[in-house]
Amino acid sequence: MSTIIVSRRGLLASVGALAAAGLAGCNTTQTAPAAGATPAPAPVGYRIASVVVDTTPLVGQSGNPTAQWAQDALPGALAQALSSHMAPGDPSGGTLSVVVNSIYLGGGGPADPDRMRGVATFNGQQIPIRTTSTWISSPVDNALVEQSNQNRVNALAVSFAYLLKKKLRRA
């Protein structure tokens, strides 16, 4: 009876090679477009060249940390939610202007959700946005109150951005 001794490195190398060979069949071939082929059409709908977020009304209502968190979170959330329509610097694109009027961080749960109100303006059309986000408290939140509140504002920003995307689609 013969025995085969394989080192740990040898076993890992052979398993890695086997996995790579199996995955190689999943890779599609990339080919250059033929000469004279038409490029893919541009996405249909509106084009956003730039985003401007104003949280000035929020400073008086909720204070600076909350307003600064919204100022920091909203542009990224809007860029992510509206990524298929973003065209930075496109001369044919419009400017999306968002004014955040108020943020209310509720007591938690569905009975008292967090709320954000604001107005978005795009191509001369004003779109009022009122969004909510449900927060369920945890013991960690009591120790890290400021971080918890910032996470809640970030969740509101994401909710705001996706609701705006939905309303822009209808407009």
Protein backbone atom coordinates (compact mmCIF):
# COMPACT_ATOMS: atom_id res chain seq x y z
CA MET A 1 0.00 0.00 0.00
CA SER A 2 1.43 3.37 -0.96
CA THR A 3 0.89 6.59 0.92
CA ILE A 4 0.95 10.05 -0.52
CA ILE A 5 2.33 12.79 1.69
CA VAL A 6 1.31 16.32 0.74
CA SER A 7 2.51 19.39 2.59
CA ARG A 8 0.08 22.09 3.66
CA ARG A 9 1.48 24.46 1.03
CA GLY A 10 1.17 21.87 -1.68
CA LEU A 11 -2.43 21.16 -0.72
CA LEU A 12 -3.32 24.86 -0.70
CA ALA A 13 -1.61 25.42 -4.03
CA SER A 14 -3.45 22.54 -5.68
CA VAL A 15 -6.83 23.54 -4.24
CA GLY A 16 -6.20 27.16 -5.35
CA ALA A 17 -5.28 26.01 -8.85
CA LEU A 18 -8.38 23.83 -9.04
CA ALA A 19 -10.60 26.73 -7.92
CA ALA A 20 -8.98 29.10 -10.41
CA ALA A 21 -9.48 26.60 -13.22
CA GLY A 22 -13.13 26.21 -12.27
CA LEU A 23 -13.71 29.95 -12.15
CA ALA A 24 -11.94 30.54 -15.45
CA GLY A 25 -14.99 29.20 -17.22
CA CYS A 26 -17.08 31.96 -15.62
CA ASN A 27 -15.00 34.74 -17.15
CA THR A 28 -16.49 36.17 -20.31
CA THR A 29 -14.25 37.20 -23.12
CA GLN A 30 -13.79 40.92 -23.52
CA THR A 31 -13.74 42.10 -27.11
CA ALA A 32 -13.28 45.55 -28.52
CA PRO A 33 -16.27 46.97 -30.39
CA ALA A 34 -16.09 46.56 -34.13
CA ALA A 35 -15.19 49.57 -36.23
CA GLY A 36 -18.30 51.52 -37.14
CA ALA A 37 -20.31 50.02 -34.27
CA THR A 38 -22.59 52.47 -32.51
CA PRO A 39 -21.77 53.21 -28.86
CA ALA A 40 -24.24 52.31 -26.13
CA PRO A 41 -27.01 54.91 -25.81
CA ALA A 42 -26.85 57.39 -22.97
CA PRO A 43 -29.21 56.74 -20.05
CA VAL A 44 -32.70 58.03 -20.66
CA GLY A 45 -34.06 60.75 -18.41
CA TYR A 46 -32.62 63.62 -16.48
CA ARG A 47 -28.89 64.35 -16.07
CA ILE A 48 -27.48 65.86 -12.86
CA ALA A 49 -24.29 67.86 -13.39
CA SER A 50 -23.88 69.01 -9.78
CA VAL A 51 -25.43 68.72 -6.33
CA VAL A 52 -25.72 71.58 -3.84
CA VAL A 53 -26.85 70.92 -0.25
CA ASP A 54 -27.89 73.78 2.05
CA THR A 55 -28.40 73.07 5.74
CA THR A 56 -28.54 76.71 6.90
CA PRO A 57 -32.18 76.44 8.13
CA LEU A 58 -31.19 73.34 10.04
CA VAL A 59 -28.48 75.13 12.05
CA GLY A 60 -31.12 77.30 13.74
CA GLN A 61 -33.52 74.38 14.26
CA SER A 62 -31.29 71.47 15.38
CA GLY A 63 -27.87 72.96 16.04
CA ASN A 64 -24.52 72.58 14.37
CA PRO A 65 -23.51 68.97 14.92
CA THR A 66 -26.77 67.73 13.39
CA ALA A 67 -26.61 70.21 10.51
CA GLN A 68 -22.98 69.31 9.81
CA TRP A 69 -23.79 65.58 9.82
CA ALA A 70 -26.57 66.18 7.29
CA GLN A 71 -24.25 68.39 5.20
CA ASP A 72 -21.66 65.59 5.19
CA ALA A 73 -24.02 62.65 4.60
CA LEU A 74 -26.50 63.97 2.04
CA PRO A 75 -24.22 64.57 -0.99
CA GLY A 76 -22.88 61.00 -0.81
CA ALA A 77 -26.35 59.52 -0.30
CA LEU A 78 -27.69 61.51 -3.26
CA ALA A 79 -24.75 60.47 -5.45
CA GLN A 80 -25.34 56.83 -4.59
CA ALA A 81 -29.11 56.88 -5.05
CA LEU A 82 -28.97 58.91 -8.28
CA SER A 83 -25.77 57.38 -9.67
CA SER A 84 -27.35 56.40 -13.00
CA HIS A 85 -28.28 60.05 -13.60
CA MET A 86 -25.09 61.70 -12.34
CA ALA A 87 -23.03 63.44 -15.02
CA PRO A 88 -20.52 65.69 -13.24
CA GLY A 89 -19.63 68.69 -15.33
CA ASP A 90 -22.07 67.79 -18.13
CA PRO A 91 -23.17 71.09 -19.73
CA SER A 92 -26.56 69.59 -20.59
CA GLY A 93 -27.11 68.44 -16.99
CA GLY A 94 -28.89 70.43 -14.35
CA THR A 95 -28.01 71.37 -10.78
CA LEU A 96 -29.84 69.53 -8.03
CA SER A 97 -30.27 71.89 -5.09
CA VAL A 98 -31.41 70.49 -1.75
CA VAL A 99 -32.38 72.57 1.30
CA VAL A 100 -32.81 70.64 4.55
CA ASN A 101 -35.34 72.48 6.72
CA SER A 102 -35.61 70.24 9.76
CA ILE A 103 -34.47 67.03 11.37
CA TYR A 104 -36.24 65.46 14.32
CA LEU A 105 -34.60 62.56 16.13
CA GLY A 106 -37.52 60.74 17.72
CA GLY A 107 -37.73 58.62 20.81
CA GLY A 108 -37.25 55.42 18.85
CA GLY A 109 -39.34 52.69 17.34
CA PRO A 110 -42.18 52.98 14.86
CA ALA A 111 -44.28 55.08 17.26
CA ASP A 112 -41.80 58.00 17.21
CA PRO A 113 -39.54 57.73 14.12
CA ASP A 114 -36.76 60.08 13.08
CA ARG A 115 -37.87 62.63 10.47
CA MET A 116 -36.20 64.86 7.90
CA ARG A 117 -37.93 67.58 5.87
CA GLY A 118 -36.57 69.54 2.98
CA VAL A 119 -37.06 70.78 -0.54
CA ALA A 120 -35.19 69.70 -3.64
CA THR A 121 -35.09 71.92 -6.73
CA PHE A 122 -34.17 70.50 -10.13
CA ASN A 123 -34.73 72.22 -13.48
CA GLY A 124 -36.97 74.81 -11.84
CA GLN A 125 -39.23 72.24 -10.22
CA GLN A 126 -39.52 72.22 -6.43
CA ILE A 127 -40.04 68.83 -4.82
CA PRO A 128 -40.93 68.73 -1.11
CA ILE A 129 -39.46 65.72 0.68
CA ARG A 130 -40.58 64.37 4.05
CA THR A 131 -38.92 61.15 5.04
CA THR A 132 -38.71 58.96 8.10
CA SER A 133 -36.34 56.38 9.50
CA THR A 134 -37.04 54.05 12.39
CA TRP A 135 -34.41 53.79 15.10
CA ILE A 136 -34.40 51.03 17.68
CA SER A 137 -32.19 51.87 20.65
CA SER A 138 -29.52 49.53 21.94
CA PRO A 139 -27.35 49.59 25.08
CA VAL A 140 -24.39 50.77 22.97
CA ASP A 141 -26.33 53.89 21.98
CA ASN A 142 -26.42 55.01 25.62
CA ALA A 143 -22.63 54.93 25.77
CA LEU A 144 -22.03 56.48 22.34
CA VAL A 145 -24.86 59.01 22.07
CA GLU A 146 -23.14 61.32 19.58
CA GLN A 147 -22.12 58.46 17.26
CA SER A 148 -25.63 57.02 17.51
CA ASN A 149 -27.19 60.35 16.55
CA GLN A 150 -24.81 60.72 13.61
CA ASN A 151 -25.77 57.23 12.39
CA ARG A 152 -29.43 58.21 12.65
CA VAL A 153 -28.84 61.34 10.54
CA ASN A 154 -26.95 59.21 7.99
CA ALA A 155 -29.93 56.84 7.79
CA LEU A 156 -32.25 59.80 7.25
CA ALA A 157 -29.98 61.10 4.48
CA VAL A 158 -30.16 57.75 2.67
CA SER A 159 -33.94 57.63 3.08
CA PHE A 160 -34.20 61.23 1.82
CA ALA A 161 -32.07 60.44 -1.25
CA TYR A 162 -34.05 57.37 -2.29
CA LEU A 163 -37.39 59.11 -1.79
CA LEU A 164 -36.12 61.99 -3.95
CA LYS A 165 -35.09 59.49 -6.64
CA LYS A 166 -38.59 58.03 -6.59
CA LYS A 167 -40.20 61.46 -6.89
CA LEU A 168 -37.85 62.55 -9.69
CA ARG A 169 -38.79 59.44 -11.65
CA ARG A 170 -42.46 60.45 -11.52
CA ALA A 171 -41.78 64.07 -12.45
